[in-house]
C-alpha atoms as a PDB file:
ATOM      1  CA  MET A   1     105.581  96.285  95.053  1.00  0.00           C
ATOM      2  CA  PHE A   2     108.862  97.846  95.892  1.00  0.00           C
ATOM      3  CA  THR A   3     106.934  99.778  98.772  1.00  0.00           C
ATOM      4  CA  ALA A   4     105.491  97.077 100.297  1.00  0.00           C
ATOM      5  CA  LEU A   5     108.957  95.289 100.363  1.00  0.00           C
ATOM      6  CA  ALA A   6     110.322  98.233 102.105  1.00  0.00           C
ATOM      7  CA  GLU A   7     107.532  98.474 104.678  1.00  0.00           C
ATOM      8  CA  LEU A   8     107.735  94.563 105.404  1.00  0.00           C
ATOM      9  CA  SER A   9     111.665  94.957 105.233  1.00  0.00           C
ATOM     10  CA  THR A  10     111.276  97.857 107.990  1.00  0.00           C
ATOM     11  CA  ARG A  11     108.861  96.133 109.980  1.00  0.00           C
ATOM     12  CA  GLN A  12     110.875  92.886 110.340  1.00  0.00           C
ATOM     13  CA  ILE A  13     114.411  94.822 111.192  1.00  0.00           C
ATOM     14  CA  ALA A  14     112.540  96.915 113.740  1.00  0.00           C
ATOM     15  CA  GLU A  15     110.979  93.451 115.450  1.00  0.00           C
ATOM     16  CA  THR A  16     114.396  91.914 115.129  1.00  0.00           C
ATOM     17  CA  GLU A  17     116.257  94.706 116.627  1.00  0.00           C
ATOM     18  CA  ASP A  18     113.598  95.417 119.058  1.00  0.00           C
ATOM     19  CA  ALA A  19     113.550  99.021 117.864  1.00  0.00           C
ATOM     20  CA  THR A  20     112.045 101.603 120.304  1.00  0.00           C
ATOM     21  CA  GLY A  21     111.660 105.213 120.031  1.00  0.00           C
ATOM     22  CA  MET A  22     112.220 107.540 116.887  1.00  0.00           C
ATOM     23  CA  ASP A  23     115.899 107.127 116.402  1.00  0.00           C
ATOM     24  CA  GLU A  24     115.986 103.358 116.316  1.00  0.00           C
ATOM     25  CA  ASN A  25     112.902 103.038 114.146  1.00  0.00           C
ATOM     26  CA  LYS A  26     114.291 105.768 111.722  1.00  0.00           C
ATOM     27  CA  THR A  27     117.213 103.509 111.172  1.00  0.00           C
ATOM     28  CA  ALA A  28     115.108 100.365 110.647  1.00  0.00           C
ATOM     29  CA  ALA A  29     113.324 102.521 107.972  1.00  0.00           C
ATOM     30  CA  LYS A  30     116.319 103.741 106.180  1.00  0.00           C
ATOM     31  CA  THR A  31     117.733 100.183 106.142  1.00  0.00           C
ATOM     32  CA  GLY A  32     114.146  98.648 104.879  1.00  0.00           C
ATOM     33  CA  GLY A  33     113.839 101.629 102.152  1.00  0.00           C
ATOM     34  CA  GLY A  34     117.572 100.784 101.081  1.00  0.00           C
ATOM     35  CA  ILE A  35     116.527  97.333 100.405  1.00  0.00           C
ATOM     36  CA  ALA A  36     113.837  98.262  98.149  1.00  0.00           C
ATOM     37  CA  LYS A  37     115.903 100.666  96.459  1.00  0.00           C
ATOM     38  CA  LYS A  38     118.602  97.940  95.999  1.00  0.00           C
ATOM     39  CA  ALA A  39     115.994  95.581  94.627  1.00  0.00           C
ATOM     40  CA  ARG A  40     114.488  98.263  92.212  1.00  0.00           C
ATOM     41  CA  LYS A  41     118.099  99.305  90.877  1.00  0.00           C
ATOM     42  CA  GLU A  42     118.741  95.602  90.341  1.00  0.00           C
ATOM     43  CA  LEU A  43     115.449  95.071  88.375  1.00  0.00           C
ATOM     44  CA  GLU A  44     116.232  98.019  86.291  1.00  0.00           C
ATOM     45  CA  ALA A  45     119.657  96.783  85.444  1.00  0.00           C
ATOM     46  CA  LYS A  46     118.498  93.364  84.321  1.00  0.00           C
ATOM     47  CA  THR A  47     115.654  94.509  82.325  1.00  0.00           C
ATOM     48  CA  GLY A  48     117.358  97.669  81.032  1.00  0.00           C
ATOM     49  CA  LYS A  49     113.859  99.708  81.699  1.00  0.00           C
ATOM     50  CA  LYS A  50     113.211 102.207  84.352  1.00  0.00           C
ATOM     51  CA  VAL A  51     110.847 101.151  86.939  1.00  0.00           C
ATOM     52  CA  ILE A  52     109.627 104.778  87.590  1.00  0.00           C
ATOM     53  CA  THR A  53     108.673 106.662  84.283  1.00  0.00           C
ATOM     54  CA  SER A  54     106.587 109.780  83.420  1.00  0.00           C
ATOM     55  CA  ASP A  55     103.986 107.292  81.922  1.00  0.00           C
ATOM     56  CA  ASN A  56     103.484 105.475  85.080  1.00  0.00           C
ATOM     57  CA  TYR A  57     103.825 108.341  87.670  1.00  0.00           C
ATOM     58  CA  LEU A  58     101.001 109.383  89.571  1.00  0.00           C
ATOM     59  CA  PRO A  59     101.077 112.889  91.058  1.00  0.00           C
ATOM     60  CA  SER A  60     100.570 113.499  94.757  1.00  0.00           C
ATOM     61  CA  ALA A  61      96.755 113.758  96.034  1.00  0.00           C
ATOM     62  CA  ASP A  62      97.708 117.493  96.672  1.00  0.00           C
ATOM     63  CA  ASN A  63      97.776 118.042  92.921  1.00  0.00           C
ATOM     64  CA  THR A  64      94.188 116.244  91.736  1.00  0.00           C
ATOM     65  CA  ILE A  65      91.024 118.131  91.586  1.00  0.00           C
ATOM     66  CA  ILE A  66      88.037 116.246  92.792  1.00  0.00           C
ATOM     67  CA  ARG A  67      84.784 117.562  91.123  1.00  0.00           C
ATOM     68  CA  ASN A  68      81.264 116.594  92.248  1.00  0.00           C
ATOM     69  CA  THR A  69      81.764 115.694  95.947  1.00  0.00           C
ATOM     70  CA  LYS A  70      78.462 117.052  97.134  1.00  0.00           C
ATOM     71  CA  ASN A  71      76.785 113.915  96.397  1.00  0.00           C
ATOM     72  CA  ALA A  72      79.844 111.548  96.608  1.00  0.00           C
ATOM     73  CA  GLY A  73      79.181 108.322  97.941  1.00  0.00           C
ATOM     74  CA  SER A  74      75.389 108.894  97.773  1.00  0.00           C
ATOM     75  CA  LYS A  75      73.243 105.912  96.481  1.00  0.00           C
ATOM     76  CA  LYS A  76      70.511 108.126  95.840  1.00  0.00           C
ATOM     77  CA  SER A  77      69.532 108.523  92.068  1.00  0.00           C
ATOM     78  CA  PRO A  78      70.039 112.077  90.360  1.00  0.00           C
ATOM     79  CA  ASP A  79      66.276 113.125  91.311  1.00  0.00           C
ATOM     80  CA  ASN A  80      67.036 112.248  94.896  1.00  0.00           C
ATOM     81  CA  LYS A  81      64.811 109.230  95.194  1.00  0.00           C
ATOM     82  CA  PRO A  82      66.367 106.186  96.845  1.00  0.00           C
END
């Protein structure tokens, strides 16, 4: 939810300011991210609960192990018959 807010804010700021190039878009991204950060902090203050916790934190994809990828996406049955 906050990521979507950051992305939308960044895009609208970049479009409004007609941002071109890395530096101008970086500035828009920092501002958009700041808007989402402020919204998250306000929600946490209002509810008294942290939005990001060890209970709802997902590790990065680099830390996950994918098993049995040989037949991933295959529609065949285990005995290789369609």
